[in-house]
Amino acid sequence: MSTPITSPRTAVGEVITLGASQVLLEGHLDLEHTDVENTDAIRPLRLPRSARTHFPPNGEILRAITANASGVRLRFITSATGFDLTLRSTQLYFDELAGPVNDLVVEVDGQPVHVVRPTVTDIRRLSWTGDVATTVTVAPAQTLAFTLDGAAEKAVTVWLPQGMIVDLLDLRADAAITAAAPSTAPVWIHHGSSISHCVETPSPTGTWPVIAARLSDLSLINLGFGGQCMLDPFVADAIAATAANVISLKVGINIVGARALDQRTFTPMVHGFLDRIRVGHPDTPIVLASSILWPGSEDVPGPSDVEFLEAGRVRCYAAGDAADIARGALTMTESRRQLAEVVRVRAASGERISYLDGLSLYGPDDQARYTLPDSLHPDAELYAEIGRRFADAVFGENGLVPRPGLG
């Protein structure tokens, strides 16, 4: 059953000051002011700072991942023929396993004009248990210089690298810079796992939520948290407190992979998460999506493990004992069955909620065409396809939450 977006459009973002410039920052939920080389820097966060009081004691990975800049962008208006952006870019390491270094993309009037790979200025090394984090500075703050064609007024968007922590220090140009007006597009909040965080694609505009949002003319807040989609109450509270016209939740893979919940506890936790969101969004359409295919691990419980292969390749797989299923262990297949039932029950009571089977985004029939390089995460090509499929299935003319004007 379709539930069109009918609630009033709400703007997203806030104006921040970088040097002498004011810009509109979008896609974040909070800011942290950091002292960088005796300069006040601004770090976008994708959870409120207040939520940290409820993080687990070994929450350093969660803290770092929610400070990654997936979906975060700067928007401003200028007639300058160029501008300089000064920033620090922190790469994450998980023990000795290096996290990604993603691109920064500059668009003018909606068209990409620069794609650059920022220098890693800091390395934040995290223990796999999340109880230890150390940061080492390896380079000074970097100033990236960008040219812009012509002296006419133009709208500039800077997309920050989605898998890195970014501290913004300064923005200068040869003409005035003013903050762009807030978007009038409906606001879409999406929460999910690493498969929504999308650090595997080089470009921040290549993540599937960004692709789906742009196809559907929506203003995105991407709460895709690699390894951290655990139905945490403080995430539900953050969503409840943030204005939105449509909300989607893609749940399952992290919970199964971490063996965080079982067959008995999964459904009540999903209901509880939804109930907390409904405190702030009693009538907002919600799409509850299950995970895409996890080849070879669909009917095996967690915990997950990593096999190191030749040429630096890895394979992620569920390493639990299938005999534990009879004792209540959760699998990907069972998680989809339970999510569908959650939606059936709530929709029957009149709630504006829909279910999307993650196998429709990537399923068994897709394996011959698309590969998962580590047997779990898509590559750039598949992320783009997932974005297109999600936009059509959810926001298309015959979608679960049709977007007005989308053919």
Protein backbone atom coordinates (compact mmCIF):
# COMPACT_ATOMS: atom_id res chain seq x y z
CA MET A 1 0.00 0.00 0.00
CA SER A 2 1.45 3.38 -1.02
CA THR A 3 1.63 6.30 1.40
CA PRO A 4 2.42 9.48 -0.55
CA ILE A 5 4.59 12.21 0.95
CA THR A 6 1.98 14.75 2.01
CA SER A 7 3.50 16.39 5.11
CA PRO A 8 4.83 19.96 4.82
CA ARG A 9 8.32 20.30 3.44
CA THR A 10 10.93 21.02 6.09
CA ALA A 11 14.34 22.57 5.52
CA VAL A 12 17.50 20.80 6.66
CA GLY A 13 20.89 22.25 7.53
CA GLU A 14 22.44 25.17 9.37
CA VAL A 15 24.65 28.12 8.50
CA ILE A 16 28.22 27.91 9.79
CA THR A 17 31.11 30.35 9.59
CA LEU A 18 34.45 29.32 8.09
CA GLY A 19 36.92 32.20 8.24
CA ALA A 20 35.16 35.15 6.62
CA SER A 21 32.68 32.93 4.77
CA GLN A 22 29.25 31.65 5.69
CA VAL A 23 28.03 28.38 4.18
CA LEU A 24 25.07 26.06 4.61
CA LEU A 25 26.05 22.72 6.12
CA GLU A 26 23.66 19.84 5.37
CA GLY A 27 23.40 16.13 6.17
CA HIS A 28 24.56 16.30 9.80
CA LEU A 29 22.79 16.29 13.18
CA ASP A 30 25.31 18.17 15.32
CA LEU A 31 28.68 19.95 15.32
CA GLU A 32 31.80 19.58 17.39
CA HIS A 33 34.28 22.43 17.74
CA THR A 34 37.84 21.19 17.75
CA ASP A 35 41.11 23.03 18.28
CA VAL A 36 43.32 22.46 15.24
CA GLU A 37 46.69 24.20 15.08
CA ASN A 38 45.36 26.93 17.39
CA THR A 39 42.39 27.44 15.06
CA ASP A 40 38.76 26.69 15.84
CA ALA A 41 37.62 23.92 13.50
CA ILE A 42 34.15 22.53 12.88
CA ARG A 43 33.55 18.77 12.77
CA PRO A 44 30.15 17.61 11.45
CA LEU A 45 28.57 14.79 13.44
CA ARG A 46 25.81 12.42 12.36
CA LEU A 47 24.49 11.94 15.89
CA PRO A 48 23.91 14.57 18.57
CA ARG A 49 26.80 14.96 21.00
CA SER A 50 24.32 14.35 23.82
CA ALA A 51 23.86 10.76 22.57
CA ARG A 52 27.45 9.95 23.58
CA THR A 53 26.45 9.76 27.22
CA HIS A 54 24.54 6.59 26.30
CA PHE A 55 27.30 5.01 24.23
CA PRO A 56 28.73 1.77 25.63
CA PRO A 57 32.05 2.01 27.50
CA ASN A 58 33.75 0.42 24.50
CA GLY A 59 32.08 2.83 22.09
CA GLU A 60 35.12 4.30 20.31
CA ILE A 61 34.23 2.72 16.97
CA LEU A 62 30.67 4.03 17.25
CA ARG A 63 32.03 7.47 18.13
CA ALA A 64 34.35 7.49 15.10
CA ILE A 65 31.83 6.09 12.61
CA THR A 66 29.13 8.60 13.56
CA ALA A 67 31.69 11.37 12.99
CA ASN A 68 32.29 10.16 9.41
CA ALA A 69 30.92 12.61 6.86
CA SER A 70 28.68 10.34 4.74
CA GLY A 71 26.11 12.52 2.99
CA VAL A 72 27.46 15.74 4.57
CA ARG A 73 27.88 18.68 2.21
CA LEU A 74 28.58 22.43 2.11
CA ARG A 75 26.45 24.69 -0.07
CA PHE A 76 27.16 28.31 -0.92
CA ILE A 77 26.68 31.01 -3.54
CA THR A 78 29.58 32.94 -5.04
CA SER A 79 30.76 34.76 -8.17
CA ALA A 80 34.36 33.83 -7.39
CA THR A 81 36.63 32.29 -10.01
CA GLY A 82 38.12 30.03 -7.37
CA PHE A 83 38.11 29.16 -3.67
CA ASP A 84 40.40 27.55 -1.09
CA LEU A 85 39.10 25.10 1.51
CA THR A 86 41.29 24.26 4.50
CA LEU A 87 40.54 21.04 6.34
CA ARG A 88 41.91 18.08 8.21
CA SER A 89 41.00 14.55 7.09
CA THR A 90 41.23 11.64 9.52
CA GLN A 91 41.54 8.09 8.26
CA LEU A 92 40.35 5.27 10.51
CA TYR A 93 42.37 2.14 11.21
CA PHE A 94 40.88 -0.93 12.87
CA ASP A 95 43.99 -2.32 14.54
CA GLU A 96 46.19 -2.74 11.46
CA LEU A 97 43.35 -2.79 8.91
CA ALA A 98 43.20 0.55 7.10
CA GLY A 99 39.84 2.20 6.56
CA PRO A 100 39.03 4.03 3.33
CA VAL A 101 40.31 7.32 2.01
CA ASN A 102 37.47 8.77 -0.07
CA ASP A 103 37.19 11.65 -2.52
CA LEU A 104 35.89 15.16 -2.05
CA VAL A 105 33.57 16.34 -4.82
CA VAL A 106 32.88 19.94 -5.88
CA GLU A 107 29.78 20.63 -7.95
CA VAL A 108 28.75 23.86 -9.64
CA ASP A 109 25.06 24.29 -10.42
CA GLY A 110 24.61 20.57 -9.86
CA GLN A 111 27.45 19.41 -12.15
CA PRO A 112 30.72 17.90 -10.86
CA VAL A 113 33.75 20.05 -11.70
CA HIS A 114 36.39 18.73 -9.29
CA VAL A 115 37.06 15.34 -7.72
CA VAL A 116 40.07 15.23 -5.40
CA ARG A 117 41.47 12.82 -2.84
CA PRO A 118 42.31 14.79 0.33
CA THR A 119 45.60 14.18 2.07
CA VAL A 120 45.33 12.11 5.24
CA THR A 121 46.34 14.50 8.01
CA ASP A 122 45.47 12.27 10.97
CA ILE A 123 45.12 8.56 11.65
CA ARG A 124 42.71 7.36 14.32
CA ARG A 125 43.53 3.81 15.31
CA LEU A 126 40.74 1.82 16.96
CA SER A 127 40.87 -1.54 18.67
CA TRP A 128 38.46 -4.13 17.31
CA THR A 129 36.76 -4.22 20.70
CA GLY A 130 36.17 -0.46 20.54
CA ASP A 131 37.69 0.26 23.96
CA VAL A 132 40.89 1.97 22.80
CA ALA A 133 41.37 4.85 20.34
CA THR A 134 44.50 6.84 19.61
CA THR A 135 45.00 9.65 17.11
CA VAL A 136 48.32 10.47 15.44
CA THR A 137 48.90 13.57 13.33
CA VAL A 138 50.81 12.74 10.15
CA ALA A 139 50.51 15.99 8.15
CA PRO A 140 49.52 19.63 8.63
CA ALA A 141 46.08 20.89 7.70
CA GLN A 142 45.58 20.87 3.94
CA THR A 143 44.34 23.74 1.79
CA LEU A 144 42.63 22.56 -1.40
CA ALA A 145 42.47 25.11 -4.20
CA PHE A 146 39.60 24.92 -6.69
CA THR A 147 39.05 26.95 -9.85
CA LEU A 148 35.57 28.00 -10.96
CA ASP A 149 34.73 29.08 -14.50
CA GLY A 150 33.54 32.63 -15.05
CA ALA A 151 32.65 35.48 -12.72
CA ALA A 152 28.89 34.91 -12.83
CA GLU A 153 27.06 33.94 -9.66
CA LYS A 154 27.01 30.19 -9.17
CA ALA A 155 25.76 27.63 -6.69
CA VAL A 156 28.56 25.46 -5.27
CA THR A 157 28.20 22.19 -3.36
CA VAL A 158 31.14 20.47 -1.67
CA TRP A 159 30.54 16.82 -0.75
CA LEU A 160 32.85 15.62 2.03
CA PRO A 161 34.52 12.16 1.96
CA GLN A 162 32.03 9.70 3.41
CA GLY A 163 34.40 7.34 5.21
CA MET A 164 36.57 9.92 6.95
CA ILE A 165 36.34 12.36 9.86
CA VAL A 166 36.59 15.91 8.51
CA ASP A 167 37.48 19.07 10.44
CA LEU A 168 36.69 22.29 8.54
CA LEU A 169 39.02 25.23 9.24
CA ASP A 170 38.66 27.92 6.60
CA LEU A 171 37.03 28.86 3.29
CA ARG A 172 38.36 31.76 1.21
CA ALA A 173 37.68 33.03 -2.29
CA ASP A 174 38.40 35.98 -4.60
CA ALA A 175 34.79 37.15 -4.19
CA ALA A 176 32.17 37.03 -1.48
CA ILE A 177 30.78 33.68 -0.35
CA THR A 178 27.27 33.51 1.09
CA ALA A 179 25.32 30.58 2.45
CA ALA A 180 22.90 28.95 0.03
CA ALA A 181 19.21 29.06 0.85
CA PRO A 182 17.92 25.92 2.58
CA SER A 183 16.58 23.27 0.25
CA THR A 184 12.82 23.13 -0.24
CA ALA A 185 12.94 19.42 -1.08
CA PRO A 186 11.29 16.97 1.33
CA VAL A 187 13.67 15.66 3.99
CA TRP A 188 14.55 11.97 3.95
CA ILE A 189 16.26 10.40 6.97
CA HIS A 190 17.82 7.00 6.32
CA HIS A 191 19.40 4.74 8.94
CA GLY A 192 21.32 1.60 8.13
CA SER A 193 24.59 -0.31 8.28
CA SER A 194 27.86 -0.14 6.34
CA ILE A 195 25.85 -1.00 3.23
CA SER A 196 24.17 2.40 3.69
CA HIS A 197 27.37 4.14 4.82
CA CYS A 198 28.97 3.03 1.51
CA VAL A 199 32.64 3.69 2.21
CA GLU A 200 33.62 1.19 -0.48
CA THR A 201 32.74 3.53 -3.36
CA PRO A 202 35.40 6.22 -3.94
CA SER A 203 32.98 9.11 -4.32
CA PRO A 204 30.63 10.60 -1.70
CA THR A 205 28.12 11.14 -4.50
CA GLY A 206 28.36 7.43 -5.39
CA THR A 207 26.72 6.20 -2.19
CA TRP A 208 23.35 4.64 -2.89
CA PRO A 209 21.37 6.91 -0.51
CA VAL A 210 22.77 10.01 -2.27
CA ILE A 211 21.95 8.51 -5.66
CA ALA A 212 18.39 7.64 -4.58
CA ALA A 213 17.88 11.07 -2.99
CA ARG A 214 19.00 12.90 -6.12
CA LEU A 215 16.86 10.76 -8.41
CA SER A 216 13.89 11.56 -6.18
CA ASP A 217 14.64 15.23 -5.40
CA LEU A 218 14.93 14.67 -1.67
CA SER A 219 17.16 16.31 0.94
CA LEU A 220 19.09 13.46 2.57
CA ILE A 221 20.31 12.87 6.10
CA ASN A 222 22.25 9.61 5.89
CA LEU A 223 22.59 7.81 9.21
CA GLY A 224 24.31 4.81 7.65
CA PHE A 225 26.75 3.66 10.35
CA GLY A 226 29.26 0.99 9.36
CA GLY A 227 28.90 -1.94 11.76
CA GLN A 228 26.72 0.11 14.10
CA CYS A 229 23.08 -0.37 13.02
CA MET A 230 22.03 -2.02 16.28
CA LEU A 231 18.60 -0.52 17.06
CA ASP A 232 20.20 1.76 19.64
CA PRO A 233 17.55 3.81 21.47
CA PHE A 234 19.61 7.00 21.19
CA VAL A 235 19.55 6.69 17.39
CA ALA A 236 15.77 6.37 17.44
CA ASP A 237 15.59 9.42 19.71
CA ALA A 238 17.80 11.42 17.32
CA ILE A 239 15.54 10.53 14.41
CA ALA A 240 12.46 11.42 16.47
CA ALA A 241 13.93 14.84 17.25
CA THR A 242 14.81 15.67 13.63
CA ALA A 243 12.29 17.08 11.17
CA ALA A 244 11.62 14.67 8.30
CA ASN A 245 9.06 13.98 5.61
CA VAL A 246 9.98 10.32 5.14
CA ILE A 247 12.11 7.86 7.11
CA SER A 248 13.68 4.57 6.06
CA LEU A 249 15.43 1.97 8.19
CA LYS A 250 17.53 -0.85 6.74
CA VAL A 251 18.02 -3.37 9.53
CA GLY A 252 19.49 -6.83 10.05
CA ILE A 253 23.03 -7.39 8.84
CA ASN A 254 24.88 -5.85 11.81
CA ILE A 255 22.64 -7.51 14.38
CA VAL A 256 23.04 -10.95 12.81
CA GLY A 257 26.76 -10.41 12.19
CA ALA A 258 27.45 -9.38 15.77
CA ARG A 259 25.03 -11.95 17.17
CA ALA A 260 23.61 -9.01 19.11
CA LEU A 261 20.01 -10.30 19.26
CA ASP A 262 18.26 -13.61 18.79
CA GLN A 263 14.94 -14.85 17.43
CA ARG A 264 13.21 -14.01 20.72
CA THR A 265 14.52 -10.45 21.14
CA PHE A 266 14.76 -9.11 17.58
CA THR A 267 11.09 -8.30 16.93
CA PRO A 268 10.47 -6.57 20.28
CA MET A 269 13.59 -4.45 19.75
CA VAL A 270 12.40 -3.40 16.29
CA HIS A 271 9.00 -2.44 17.72
CA GLY A 272 10.66 -0.49 20.50
CA PHE A 273 12.89 1.38 18.05
CA LEU A 274 9.88 2.29 15.92
CA ASP A 275 7.86 3.34 18.97
CA ARG A 276 10.60 5.81 19.96
CA ILE A 277 10.69 7.28 16.46
CA ARG A 278 6.92 7.66 16.52
CA VAL A 279 7.18 9.96 19.55
CA GLY A 280 8.47 12.64 17.19
CA HIS A 281 6.96 11.35 13.95
CA PRO A 282 3.48 10.00 14.67
CA ASP A 283 2.34 10.17 11.03
CA THR A 284 5.56 10.31 8.97
CA PRO A 285 5.81 7.49 6.41
CA ILE A 286 8.38 4.87 7.44
CA VAL A 287 9.91 2.24 5.17
CA LEU A 288 11.40 -0.73 7.03
CA ALA A 289 13.84 -2.56 4.76
CA SER A 290 15.68 -5.81 5.32
CA SER A 291 19.25 -6.53 4.25
CA ILE A 292 20.52 -7.37 0.81
CA LEU A 293 21.77 -10.88 0.08
CA TRP A 294 24.75 -12.11 2.11
CA PRO A 295 25.96 -14.96 -0.13
CA GLY A 296 26.82 -18.13 1.73
CA SER A 297 25.75 -16.64 5.04
CA GLU A 298 21.97 -16.36 4.68
CA ASP A 299 21.14 -19.34 6.87
CA VAL A 300 24.14 -19.30 9.19
CA PRO A 301 24.04 -17.34 12.46
CA GLY A 302 26.75 -14.96 13.60
CA PRO A 303 29.19 -13.98 14.81
CA SER A 304 30.80 -12.83 11.59
CA ASP A 305 34.45 -13.35 10.73
CA VAL A 306 36.96 -12.26 8.10
CA GLU A 307 39.12 -14.56 5.99
CA PHE A 308 42.26 -12.96 4.55
CA LEU A 309 42.87 -14.09 0.98
CA GLU A 310 45.73 -13.57 -1.45
CA ALA A 311 46.45 -10.17 -3.03
CA GLY A 312 45.06 -8.36 0.02
CA ARG A 313 41.50 -9.55 -0.54
CA VAL A 314 39.18 -10.50 2.30
CA ARG A 315 35.97 -12.50 2.67
CA CYS A 316 33.35 -11.58 5.26
CA TYR A 317 31.10 -14.42 6.37
CA ALA A 318 28.85 -15.63 9.16
CA ALA A 319 30.91 -18.03 11.25
CA GLY A 320 28.38 -19.29 13.77
CA ASP A 321 27.14 -22.83 14.27
CA ALA A 322 23.98 -23.66 12.29
CA ALA A 323 22.99 -25.98 15.16
CA ASP A 324 22.39 -22.86 17.26
CA ILE A 325 19.42 -21.87 15.08
CA ALA A 326 17.30 -24.49 16.83
CA ARG A 327 18.31 -22.82 20.11
CA GLY A 328 17.17 -19.39 18.93
CA ALA A 329 20.10 -17.92 16.99
CA LEU A 330 19.09 -15.33 14.40
CA THR A 331 19.91 -15.60 10.69
CA MET A 332 19.50 -13.21 7.77
CA THR A 333 16.58 -15.24 6.43
CA GLU A 334 14.80 -15.19 9.78
CA SER A 335 15.44 -11.46 10.23
CA ARG A 336 13.59 -10.73 6.97
CA ARG A 337 10.63 -12.86 8.03
CA GLN A 338 10.39 -11.03 11.35
CA LEU A 339 10.73 -7.55 9.81
CA ALA A 340 7.93 -8.30 7.37
CA GLU A 341 5.76 -9.42 10.28
CA VAL A 342 6.54 -6.24 12.25
CA VAL A 343 5.30 -4.16 9.33
CA ARG A 344 2.21 -6.34 8.81
CA VAL A 345 1.16 -5.93 12.42
CA ARG A 346 1.75 -2.18 12.56
CA ALA A 347 0.23 -1.45 9.14
CA ALA A 348 -2.89 -3.41 10.14
CA SER A 349 -3.42 -0.93 12.96
CA GLY A 350 -3.34 1.98 10.50
CA GLU A 351 0.29 3.05 10.87
CA ARG A 352 1.98 4.58 7.82
CA ILE A 353 4.66 1.94 7.45
CA SER A 354 5.81 -0.26 4.55
CA TYR A 355 8.18 -3.20 4.14
CA LEU A 356 10.89 -3.42 1.47
CA ASP A 357 12.55 -6.79 0.95
CA GLY A 358 16.29 -6.16 0.72
CA LEU A 359 16.60 -9.03 -1.76
CA SER A 360 14.82 -6.80 -4.29
CA LEU A 361 17.83 -4.46 -4.09
CA TYR A 362 20.36 -7.27 -4.44
CA GLY A 363 19.26 -10.89 -4.40
CA PRO A 364 20.14 -14.36 -5.69
CA ASP A 365 19.26 -13.51 -9.30
CA ASP A 366 21.78 -10.65 -9.27
CA GLN A 367 24.88 -12.66 -8.40
CA ALA A 368 25.79 -13.44 -12.00
CA ARG A 369 25.92 -9.74 -12.91
CA TYR A 370 27.07 -8.03 -9.71
CA THR A 371 29.78 -9.15 -7.34
CA LEU A 372 30.47 -8.35 -3.71
CA PRO A 373 34.27 -7.95 -3.55
CA ASP A 374 34.43 -9.08 0.09
CA SER A 375 31.29 -11.27 -0.08
CA LEU A 376 29.36 -8.65 1.91
CA HIS A 377 29.75 -5.07 0.64
CA PRO A 378 28.82 -3.84 -2.86
CA ASP A 379 31.22 -2.04 -5.17
CA ALA A 380 30.53 1.33 -6.84
CA GLU A 381 28.59 -0.23 -9.71
CA LEU A 382 26.26 -2.17 -7.43
CA TYR A 383 25.75 0.78 -5.08
CA ALA A 384 24.57 2.80 -8.07
CA GLU A 385 22.14 0.04 -9.04
CA ILE A 386 20.83 -0.24 -5.47
CA GLY A 387 20.26 3.53 -5.46
CA ARG A 388 18.25 3.32 -8.67
CA ARG A 389 16.22 0.35 -7.45
CA PHE A 390 15.50 1.95 -4.08
CA ALA A 391 14.40 5.21 -5.71
CA ASP A 392 12.02 3.34 -7.99
CA ALA A 393 10.66 0.90 -5.38
CA VAL A 394 10.17 3.50 -2.66
CA PHE A 395 9.81 6.93 -4.25
CA GLY A 396 8.72 6.00 -7.78
CA GLU A 397 5.24 6.58 -9.19
CA ASN A 398 4.14 3.13 -8.00
CA GLY A 399 6.50 3.05 -5.03
CA LEU A 400 5.85 2.54 -1.34
CA VAL A 401 6.10 6.30 -0.66
CA PRO A 402 5.59 7.97 -4.05
CA ARG A 403 7.49 11.19 -4.56
CA PRO A 404 5.28 13.76 -6.31
CA GLY A 405 6.61 14.53 -9.75
CA LEU A 406 8.75 11.42 -10.08
CA GLY A 407 7.94 9.46 -13.22
